[in-house]
Amino acid sequence: MDKEVRDYIDGIPAEQRPLFDRLHRLILEAHPGAAVVISYKIPTYKVGSRRLYVGTWNHGVSLYGRQQGRDAGFATRHPALTSGRATIRLRPDDAAAITDDELRDLAQAALDD
């Protein structure tokens, strides 16, 4: 992991860090070879031509780059967590009710070529 990514992660506030760390772990479990870089000033997971952007904000963590039909049914099961066409907004309380398997499946589907 390069310094820019490490600096971003090290700067995540304590209240968002557990959720970010969980998502980071699950994304890399789904795609162990994913490159992690900074793009649009947030960590970006790259596999081939696919990208999944993960940013921390006051509410929690947002995932960007999700395409219609490439989320393993996540948006259908959790419509209240989607914002716009490609954003999933996760607050820590919301994420606590979602299994690791479901989040891993989301990452797998989003980054599969």
Protein backbone atom coordinates (compact mmCIF):
# COMPACT_ATOMS: atom_id res chain seq x y z
CA MET A 1 0.00 0.00 0.00
CA ASP A 2 1.46 3.34 -0.97
CA LYS A 3 2.03 6.26 1.39
CA GLU A 4 -0.92 8.29 0.11
CA VAL A 5 -3.35 5.44 0.90
CA ARG A 6 -1.71 4.80 4.27
CA ASP A 7 -1.95 8.52 5.15
CA TYR A 8 -5.66 8.54 4.27
CA ILE A 9 -6.34 5.45 6.40
CA ASP A 10 -4.27 6.77 9.31
CA GLY A 11 -6.32 9.99 9.20
CA ILE A 12 -9.73 8.31 9.45
CA PRO A 13 -11.56 9.43 12.61
CA ALA A 14 -11.92 6.77 15.30
CA GLU A 15 -15.70 6.57 14.88
CA GLN A 16 -15.44 5.61 11.18
CA ARG A 17 -12.28 3.50 11.38
CA PRO A 18 -13.84 0.14 12.43
CA LEU A 19 -16.31 0.23 9.53
CA PHE A 20 -13.65 1.30 7.04
CA ASP A 21 -11.31 -1.44 8.27
CA ARG A 22 -14.08 -4.02 7.95
CA LEU A 23 -14.88 -2.97 4.38
CA HIS A 24 -11.18 -2.83 3.45
CA ARG A 25 -10.69 -6.38 4.77
CA LEU A 26 -13.78 -7.74 2.99
CA ILE A 27 -12.92 -6.09 -0.33
CA LEU A 28 -9.45 -7.60 -0.23
CA GLU A 29 -10.87 -10.99 0.74
CA ALA A 30 -13.13 -10.81 -2.32
CA HIS A 31 -10.27 -9.61 -4.56
CA PRO A 32 -6.88 -10.27 -2.92
CA GLY A 33 -5.05 -8.89 -5.94
CA ALA A 34 -6.89 -5.55 -5.98
CA ALA A 35 -4.65 -2.51 -6.19
CA VAL A 36 -5.46 0.15 -3.60
CA VAL A 37 -4.75 3.70 -4.72
CA ILE A 38 -6.08 7.19 -4.07
CA SER A 39 -8.46 8.52 -6.69
CA TYR A 40 -10.81 11.47 -6.22
CA LYS A 41 -9.01 11.89 -2.86
CA ILE A 42 -10.36 8.58 -1.45
CA PRO A 43 -9.14 4.96 -1.43
CA THR A 44 -9.96 3.18 -4.66
CA TYR A 45 -9.84 -0.57 -5.22
CA LYS A 46 -8.89 -1.46 -8.80
CA VAL A 47 -9.31 -4.81 -10.53
CA GLY A 48 -8.84 -4.72 -14.28
CA SER A 49 -11.16 -2.02 -15.61
CA ARG A 50 -13.36 -2.02 -12.47
CA ARG A 51 -13.15 0.47 -9.62
CA LEU A 52 -14.76 0.63 -6.17
CA TYR A 53 -14.24 3.90 -4.29
CA VAL A 54 -14.53 3.94 -0.48
CA GLY A 55 -14.67 7.25 1.37
CA THR A 56 -15.23 8.10 5.01
CA TRP A 57 -17.53 10.96 5.96
CA ASN A 58 -19.32 12.22 9.06
CA HIS A 59 -22.17 9.73 8.58
CA GLY A 60 -19.87 6.71 8.17
CA VAL A 61 -18.54 5.23 4.94
CA SER A 62 -19.72 5.57 1.35
CA LEU A 63 -19.01 3.21 -1.52
CA TYR A 64 -19.03 4.67 -5.02
CA GLY A 65 -18.86 3.15 -8.46
CA ARG A 66 -21.49 0.47 -8.00
CA GLN A 67 -23.13 -0.25 -11.32
CA GLN A 68 -26.70 -1.39 -11.84
CA GLY A 69 -26.79 -5.17 -11.60
CA ARG A 70 -23.23 -5.42 -10.28
CA ASP A 71 -23.94 -5.37 -6.55
CA ALA A 72 -25.10 -8.96 -5.84
CA GLY A 73 -28.61 -7.62 -5.16
CA PHE A 74 -27.46 -5.30 -2.36
CA ALA A 75 -29.43 -2.24 -3.55
CA THR A 76 -32.60 -4.30 -3.88
CA ARG A 77 -32.28 -5.63 -0.33
CA HIS A 78 -31.19 -2.27 1.15
CA PRO A 79 -32.77 0.53 -0.92
CA ALA A 80 -32.60 2.99 1.99
CA LEU A 81 -28.80 2.78 1.88
CA THR A 82 -28.46 3.77 -1.75
CA SER A 83 -28.08 7.35 -2.85
CA GLY A 84 -28.06 8.37 -6.47
CA ARG A 85 -27.26 5.79 -9.09
CA ALA A 86 -23.94 4.51 -7.83
CA THR A 87 -23.57 5.32 -4.12
CA ILE A 88 -24.12 3.22 -1.02
CA ARG A 89 -24.05 5.14 2.27
CA LEU A 90 -23.29 3.00 5.32
CA ARG A 91 -23.67 4.28 8.84
CA PRO A 92 -22.10 2.10 11.53
CA ASP A 93 -25.53 1.06 12.86
CA ASP A 94 -26.73 0.09 9.37
CA ALA A 95 -23.55 -1.86 8.65
CA ALA A 96 -23.84 -3.76 11.94
CA ALA A 97 -27.00 -5.39 10.59
CA ILE A 98 -25.30 -6.50 7.34
CA THR A 99 -23.28 -9.71 7.29
CA ASP A 100 -19.68 -9.91 6.15
CA ASP A 101 -20.82 -12.35 3.46
CA GLU A 102 -23.22 -9.80 2.02
CA LEU A 103 -20.62 -7.02 1.96
CA ARG A 104 -17.99 -9.38 0.51
CA ASP A 105 -20.48 -10.42 -2.20
CA LEU A 106 -21.10 -6.75 -2.99
CA ALA A 107 -17.36 -6.14 -3.40
CA GLN A 108 -16.96 -9.30 -5.45
CA ALA A 109 -19.75 -8.32 -7.85
CA ALA A 110 -18.64 -4.70 -8.11
CA LEU A 111 -15.05 -5.58 -9.02
CA ASP A 112 -15.51 -8.71 -11.14
CA ASP A 113 -14.57 -8.17 -14.78
